[in-house]
PDB file of N, CA and C in Angstrom:
ATOM      1  N   MET A   1      27.069 -68.865 -35.406  1.00  0.00           N
ATOM      2  CA  MET A   1      27.374 -67.630 -34.700  1.00  0.00           C
ATOM      3  C   MET A   1      27.120 -66.460 -35.654  1.00  0.00           C
ATOM      4  N   PRO A   2      26.326 -65.481 -35.244  1.00  0.00           N
ATOM      5  CA  PRO A   2      26.020 -64.359 -36.120  1.00  0.00           C
ATOM      6  C   PRO A   2      27.255 -63.513 -36.406  1.00  0.00           C
ATOM      7  N   LEU A   3      27.274 -62.906 -37.598  1.00  0.00           N
ATOM      8  CA  LEU A   3      28.381 -62.034 -37.954  1.00  0.00           C
ATOM      9  C   LEU A   3      28.456 -60.858 -37.005  1.00  0.00           C
ATOM     10  N   GLY A   4      29.665 -60.428 -36.694  1.00  0.00           N
ATOM     11  CA  GLY A   4      29.852 -59.279 -35.817  1.00  0.00           C
ATOM     12  C   GLY A   4      29.750 -59.614 -34.349  1.00  0.00           C
ATOM     13  N   SER A   5      29.677 -60.895 -34.000  1.00  0.00           N
ATOM     14  CA  SER A   5      29.505 -61.251 -32.588  1.00  0.00           C
ATOM     15  C   SER A   5      30.820 -61.651 -31.926  1.00  0.00           C
ATOM     16  N   GLY A   6      31.943 -61.437 -32.568  1.00  0.00           N
ATOM     17  CA  GLY A   6      33.232 -61.753 -31.964  1.00  0.00           C
ATOM     18  C   GLY A   6      34.359 -61.491 -32.942  1.00  0.00           C
ATOM     19  N   THR A   7      35.565 -61.700 -32.479  1.00  0.00           N
ATOM     20  CA  THR A   7      36.702 -61.498 -33.359  1.00  0.00           C
ATOM     21  C   THR A   7      36.772 -62.636 -34.365  1.00  0.00           C
ATOM     22  N   LYS A   8      37.567 -62.440 -35.402  1.00  0.00           N
ATOM     23  CA  LYS A   8      37.724 -63.481 -36.418  1.00  0.00           C
ATOM     24  C   LYS A   8      38.241 -64.775 -35.795  1.00  0.00           C
ATOM     25  N   GLU A   9      39.174 -64.648 -34.853  1.00  0.00           N
ATOM     26  CA  GLU A   9      39.728 -65.829 -34.213  1.00  0.00           C
ATOM     27  C   GLU A   9      38.685 -66.577 -33.399  1.00  0.00           C
ATOM     28  N   GLN A  10      37.840 -65.845 -32.678  1.00  0.00           N
ATOM     29  CA  GLN A  10      36.792 -66.479 -31.876  1.00  0.00           C
ATOM     30  C   GLN A  10      35.786 -67.198 -32.766  1.00  0.00           C
ATOM     31  N   VAL A  11      35.399 -66.546 -33.845  1.00  0.00           N
ATOM     32  CA  VAL A  11      34.436 -67.145 -34.761  1.00  0.00           C
ATOM     33  C   VAL A  11      35.034 -68.391 -35.402  1.00  0.00           C
ATOM     34  N   THR A  12      36.294 -68.305 -35.820  1.00  0.00           N
ATOM     35  CA  THR A  12      36.973 -69.443 -36.440  1.00  0.00           C
ATOM     36  C   THR A  12      37.073 -70.611 -35.470  1.00  0.00           C
ATOM     37  N   LEU A  13      37.525 -70.364 -34.257  1.00  0.00           N
ATOM     38  CA  LEU A  13      37.665 -71.433 -33.262  1.00  0.00           C
ATOM     39  C   LEU A  13      36.321 -72.055 -32.906  1.00  0.00           C
ATOM     40  N   THR A  14      35.299 -71.228 -32.744  1.00  0.00           N
ATOM     41  CA  THR A  14      33.976 -71.746 -32.407  1.00  0.00           C
ATOM     42  C   THR A  14      33.425 -72.604 -33.540  1.00  0.00           C
ATOM     43  N   THR A  15      33.571 -72.125 -34.768  1.00  0.00           N
ATOM     44  CA  THR A  15      33.079 -72.872 -35.929  1.00  0.00           C
ATOM     45  C   THR A  15      33.772 -74.219 -36.048  1.00  0.00           C
ATOM     46  N   LEU A  16      35.101 -74.227 -35.946  1.00  0.00           N
ATOM     47  CA  LEU A  16      35.855 -75.475 -36.074  1.00  0.00           C
ATOM     48  C   LEU A  16      35.582 -76.430 -34.923  1.00  0.00           C
ATOM     49  N   SER A  17      35.450 -75.914 -33.705  1.00  0.00           N
ATOM     50  CA  SER A  17      35.199 -76.790 -32.556  1.00  0.00           C
ATOM     51  C   SER A  17      33.801 -77.405 -32.604  1.00  0.00           C
ATOM     52  N   ASN A  18      32.874 -76.761 -33.330  1.00  0.00           N
ATOM     53  CA  ASN A  18      31.533 -77.312 -33.488  1.00  0.00           C
ATOM     54  C   ASN A  18      31.419 -78.222 -34.705  1.00  0.00           C
ATOM     55  N   GLY A  19      32.556 -78.531 -35.325  1.00  0.00           N
ATOM     56  CA  GLY A  19      32.567 -79.440 -36.464  1.00  0.00           C
ATOM     57  C   GLY A  19      32.286 -78.765 -37.796  1.00  0.00           C
ATOM     58  N   GLY A  20      32.270 -77.444 -37.812  1.00  0.00           N
ATOM     59  CA  GLY A  20      32.011 -76.709 -39.045  1.00  0.00           C
ATOM     60  C   GLY A  20      33.261 -76.564 -39.892  1.00  0.00           C
ATOM     61  N   CYS A  21      33.105 -75.922 -41.019  1.00  0.00           N
ATOM     62  CA  CYS A  21      34.216 -75.681 -41.944  1.00  0.00           C
ATOM     63  C   CYS A  21      34.388 -74.189 -42.152  1.00  0.00           C
ATOM     64  N   ILE A  22      35.624 -73.788 -42.413  1.00  0.00           N
ATOM     65  CA  ILE A  22      35.890 -72.410 -42.793  1.00  0.00           C
ATOM     66  C   ILE A  22      36.617 -72.427 -44.126  1.00  0.00           C
ATOM     67  N   GLU A  23      36.574 -71.324 -44.830  1.00  0.00           N
ATOM     68  CA  GLU A  23      37.254 -71.230 -46.119  1.00  0.00           C
ATOM     69  C   GLU A  23      38.285 -70.123 -46.045  1.00  0.00           C
ATOM     70  N   ILE A  24      39.509 -70.442 -46.428  1.00  0.00           N
ATOM     71  CA  ILE A  24      40.574 -69.452 -46.513  1.00  0.00           C
ATOM     72  C   ILE A  24      40.985 -69.407 -47.974  1.00  0.00           C
ATOM     73  N   ARG A  25      40.794 -68.282 -48.614  1.00  0.00           N
ATOM     74  CA  ARG A  25      41.095 -68.159 -50.033  1.00  0.00           C
ATOM     75  C   ARG A  25      42.583 -68.382 -50.281  1.00  0.00           C
ATOM     76  N   GLY A  26      42.895 -69.153 -51.301  1.00  0.00           N
ATOM     77  CA  GLY A  26      44.279 -69.423 -51.662  1.00  0.00           C
ATOM     78  C   GLY A  26      44.886 -70.609 -50.945  1.00  0.00           C
ATOM     79  N   LEU A  27      44.121 -71.255 -50.077  1.00  0.00           N
ATOM     80  CA  LEU A  27      44.616 -72.402 -49.321  1.00  0.00           C
ATOM     81  C   LEU A  27      43.740 -73.603 -49.626  1.00  0.00           C
ATOM     82  N   CYS A  28      44.373 -74.724 -49.891  1.00  0.00           N
ATOM     83  CA  CYS A  28      43.592 -75.948 -50.014  1.00  0.00           C
ATOM     84  C   CYS A  28      44.327 -77.038 -49.236  1.00  0.00           C
ATOM     85  N   LEU A  29      43.585 -77.998 -48.763  1.00  0.00           N
ATOM     86  CA  LEU A  29      44.167 -79.114 -48.026  1.00  0.00           C
ATOM     87  C   LEU A  29      44.182 -80.335 -48.931  1.00  0.00           C
ATOM     88  N   ILE A  30      45.330 -80.952 -49.032  1.00  0.00           N
ATOM     89  CA  ILE A  30      45.492 -82.129 -49.869  1.00  0.00           C
ATOM     90  C   ILE A  30      45.557 -83.350 -48.957  1.00  0.00           C
ATOM     91  N   TYR A  31      44.786 -84.380 -49.301  1.00  0.00           N
ATOM     92  CA  TYR A  31      44.761 -85.612 -48.521  1.00  0.00           C
ATOM     93  C   TYR A  31      45.899 -86.519 -48.969  1.00  0.00           C
ATOM     94  N   ARG A  32      46.727 -86.919 -48.023  1.00  0.00           N
ATOM     95  CA  ARG A  32      47.799 -87.880 -48.301  1.00  0.00           C
ATOM     96  C   ARG A  32      47.426 -89.185 -47.603  1.00  0.00           C
ATOM     97  N   PRO A  33      47.155 -90.240 -48.358  1.00  0.00           N
ATOM     98  CA  PRO A  33      46.722 -91.506 -47.756  1.00  0.00           C
ATOM     99  C   PRO A  33      47.850 -92.204 -46.993  1.00  0.00           C
ATOM    100  N   HIS A  34      47.450 -93.176 -46.172  1.00  0.00           N
ATOM    101  CA  HIS A  34      48.392 -94.006 -45.428  1.00  0.00           C
ATOM    102  C   HIS A  34      49.333 -94.691 -46.417  1.00  0.00           C
ATOM    103  N   ARG A  35      50.627 -94.751 -46.062  1.00  0.00           N
ATOM    104  CA  ARG A  35      51.576 -95.388 -46.966  1.00  0.00           C
ATOM    105  C   ARG A  35      52.759 -95.961 -46.203  1.00  0.00           C
ATOM    106  N   LEU A  36      53.508 -96.799 -46.866  1.00  0.00           N
ATOM    107  CA  LEU A  36      54.748 -97.334 -46.321  1.00  0.00           C
ATOM    108  C   LEU A  36      55.908 -96.576 -46.953  1.00  0.00           C
ATOM    109  N   ALA A  37      56.868 -96.184 -46.129  1.00  0.00           N
ATOM    110  CA  ALA A  37      58.057 -95.496 -46.608  1.00  0.00           C
ATOM    111  C   ALA A  37      59.274 -96.274 -46.117  1.00  0.00           C
ATOM    112  N   ARG A  38      60.443 -95.799 -46.504  1.00  0.00           N
ATOM    113  CA  ARG A  38      61.671 -96.476 -46.116  1.00  0.00           C
ATOM    114  C   ARG A  38      62.604 -95.470 -45.460  1.00  0.00           C
ATOM    115  N   ASN A  39      63.179 -95.864 -44.322  1.00  0.00           N
ATOM    116  CA  ASN A  39      64.186 -95.049 -43.663  1.00  0.00           C
ATOM    117  C   ASN A  39      65.464 -95.169 -44.495  1.00  0.00           C
ATOM    118  N   PRO A  40      65.967 -94.071 -45.058  1.00  0.00           N
ATOM    119  CA  PRO A  40      67.122 -94.172 -45.936  1.00  0.00           C
ATOM    120  C   PRO A  40      68.409 -94.598 -45.223  1.00  0.00           C
ATOM    121  N   LYS A  41      68.493 -94.345 -43.941  1.00  0.00           N
ATOM    122  CA  LYS A  41      69.705 -94.701 -43.195  1.00  0.00           C
ATOM    123  C   LYS A  41      69.754 -96.191 -42.873  1.00  0.00           C
ATOM    124  N   THR A  42      68.626 -96.741 -42.417  1.00  0.00           N
ATOM    125  CA  THR A  42      68.613 -98.143 -41.982  1.00  0.00           C
ATOM    126  C   THR A  42      67.975 -99.078 -42.995  1.00  0.00           C
ATOM    127  N   GLY A  43      67.175 -98.529 -43.897  1.00  0.00           N
ATOM    128  CA  GLY A  43      66.463 -99.354 -44.858  1.00  0.00           C
ATOM    129  C   GLY A  43      65.191 -99.968 -44.302  1.00  0.00           C
ATOM    130  N   ALA A  44      64.890 -99.694 -43.040  1.00  0.00           N
ATOM    131  CA  ALA A  44      63.692-100.243 -42.400  1.00  0.00           C
ATOM    132  C   ALA A  44      62.427 -99.591 -42.964  1.00  0.00           C
ATOM    133  N   LYS A  45      61.360-100.371 -43.051  1.00  0.00           N
ATOM    134  CA  LYS A  45      60.083 -99.831 -43.507  1.00  0.00           C
ATOM    135  C   LYS A  45      59.408 -99.083 -42.361  1.00  0.00           C
ATOM    136  N   VAL A  46      58.786 -97.953 -42.713  1.00  0.00           N
ATOM    137  CA  VAL A  46      58.140 -97.098 -41.729  1.00  0.00           C
ATOM    138  C   VAL A  46      56.728 -96.807 -42.223  1.00  0.00           C
ATOM    139  N   GLU A  47      55.742 -96.928 -41.327  1.00  0.00           N
ATOM    140  CA  GLU A  47      54.363 -96.604 -41.675  1.00  0.00           C
ATOM    141  C   GLU A  47      54.127 -95.114 -41.469  1.00  0.00           C
ATOM    142  N   ILE A  48      53.537 -94.488 -42.461  1.00  0.00           N
ATOM    143  CA  ILE A  48      53.180 -93.074 -42.360  1.00  0.00           C
ATOM    144  C   ILE A  48      51.664 -92.998 -42.413  1.00  0.00           C
ATOM    145  N   SER A  49      51.078 -92.397 -41.375  1.00  0.00           N
ATOM    146  CA  SER A  49      49.619 -92.345 -41.289  1.00  0.00           C
ATOM    147  C   SER A  49      49.052 -91.333 -42.284  1.00  0.00           C
ATOM    148  N   ALA A  50      47.777 -91.479 -42.587  1.00  0.00           N
ATOM    149  CA  ALA A  50      47.085 -90.563 -43.491  1.00  0.00           C
ATOM    150  C   ALA A  50      46.995 -89.192 -42.834  1.00  0.00           C
ATOM    151  N   LYS A  51      47.051 -88.148 -43.662  1.00  0.00           N
ATOM    152  CA  LYS A  51      46.980 -86.797 -43.119  1.00  0.00           C
ATOM    153  C   LYS A  51      46.579 -85.815 -44.213  1.00  0.00           C
ATOM    154  N   TYR A  52      46.170 -84.642 -43.775  1.00  0.00           N
ATOM    155  CA  TYR A  52      45.896 -83.533 -44.675  1.00  0.00           C
ATOM    156  C   TYR A  52      47.059 -82.566 -44.567  1.00  0.00           C
ATOM    157  N   VAL A  53      47.576 -82.128 -45.693  1.00  0.00           N
ATOM    158  CA  VAL A  53      48.678 -81.169 -45.700  1.00  0.00           C
ATOM    159  C   VAL A  53      48.233 -79.910 -46.436  1.00  0.00           C
ATOM    160  N   PRO A  54      48.636 -78.735 -45.924  1.00  0.00           N
ATOM    161  CA  PRO A  54      48.226 -77.495 -46.579  1.00  0.00           C
ATOM    162  C   PRO A  54      48.985 -77.279 -47.880  1.00  0.00           C
ATOM    163  N   HIS A  55      48.297 -76.692 -48.844  1.00  0.00           N
ATOM    164  CA  HIS A  55      48.913 -76.328 -50.118  1.00  0.00           C
ATOM    165  C   HIS A  55      48.402 -74.946 -50.482  1.00  0.00           C
ATOM    166  N   PHE A  56      49.322 -74.029 -50.700  1.00  0.00           N
ATOM    167  CA  PHE A  56      48.940 -72.669 -51.034  1.00  0.00           C
ATOM    168  C   PHE A  56      48.957 -72.499 -52.545  1.00  0.00           C
ATOM    169  N   LYS A  57      47.853 -72.013 -53.082  1.00  0.00           N
ATOM    170  CA  LYS A  57      47.709 -71.870 -54.521  1.00  0.00           C
ATOM    171  C   LYS A  57      48.486 -70.675 -55.077  1.00  0.00           C
ATOM    172  N   GLY A  58      48.513 -69.585 -54.359  1.00  0.00           N
ATOM    173  CA  GLY A  58      49.174 -68.378 -54.855  1.00  0.00           C
ATOM    174  C   GLY A  58      50.619 -68.284 -54.392  1.00  0.00           C
ATOM    175  N   LYS A  59      51.487 -67.768 -55.252  1.00  0.00           N
ATOM    176  CA  LYS A  59      52.905 -67.645 -54.921  1.00  0.00           C
ATOM    177  C   LYS A  59      53.117 -66.685 -53.757  1.00  0.00           C
ATOM    178  N   GLU A  60      52.400 -65.557 -53.744  1.00  0.00           N
ATOM    179  CA  GLU A  60      52.569 -64.579 -52.680  1.00  0.00           C
ATOM    180  C   GLU A  60      52.191 -65.159 -51.325  1.00  0.00           C
ATOM    181  N   LEU A  61      51.066 -65.844 -51.248  1.00  0.00           N
ATOM    182  CA  LEU A  61      50.629 -66.452 -49.991  1.00  0.00           C
ATOM    183  C   LEU A  61      51.603 -67.532 -49.550  1.00  0.00           C
ATOM    184  N   ARG A  62      52.079 -68.338 -50.477  1.00  0.00           N
ATOM    185  CA  ARG A  62      53.025 -69.405 -50.162  1.00  0.00           C
ATOM    186  C   ARG A  62      54.324 -68.820 -49.600  1.00  0.00           C
ATOM    187  N   GLU A  63      54.798 -67.705 -50.157  1.00  0.00           N
ATOM    188  CA  GLU A  63      56.030 -67.082 -49.683  1.00  0.00           C
ATOM    189  C   GLU A  63      55.842 -66.417 -48.326  1.00  0.00           C
ATOM    190  N   ARG A  64      54.657 -65.850 -48.073  1.00  0.00           N
ATOM    191  CA  ARG A  64      54.405 -65.179 -46.801  1.00  0.00           C
ATOM    192  C   ARG A  64      54.245 -66.160 -45.653  1.00  0.00           C
ATOM    193  N   VAL A  65      53.718 -67.342 -45.938  1.00  0.00           N
ATOM    194  CA  VAL A  65      53.552 -68.378 -44.919  1.00  0.00           C
ATOM    195  C   VAL A  65      54.527 -69.489 -45.264  1.00  0.00           C
ATOM    196  N   ASP A  66      55.738 -69.373 -44.775  1.00  0.00           N
ATOM    197  CA  ASP A  66      56.797 -70.320 -45.128  1.00  0.00           C
ATOM    198  C   ASP A  66      56.920 -71.353 -44.018  1.00  0.00           C
ATOM    199  N   PHE A  67      56.442 -72.592 -44.275  1.00  0.00           N
ATOM    200  CA  PHE A  67      56.471 -73.645 -43.265  1.00  0.00           C
ATOM    201  C   PHE A  67      57.861 -74.234 -43.090  1.00  0.00           C
ATOM    202  N   ASP A  68      58.724 -74.093 -44.072  1.00  0.00           N
ATOM    203  CA  ASP A  68      60.042 -74.717 -44.007  1.00  0.00           C
ATOM    204  C   ASP A  68      61.064 -73.892 -43.242  1.00  0.00           C
ATOM    205  N   ALA A  69      60.728 -72.689 -42.848  1.00  0.00           N
ATOM    206  CA  ALA A  69      61.687 -71.820 -42.169  1.00  0.00           C
ATOM    207  C   ALA A  69      61.876 -72.218 -40.735  1.00  0.00           C
TER     208      ALA A  69
END
């Protein structure tokens, strides 16, 4: 999609839906592989699937986008 042909959100959604990649400065995705965990209450084993989790490199960006709130 040529630059200036839509809003940032439209360009981002179109790029991602077409299988492309975008870059957001200060953000990286960390791959967490499939693993077995334990439920602390019951002691039962639980499977956790592989996933990508966001990690913010800068303190200011991390504080502005607070996922735990």
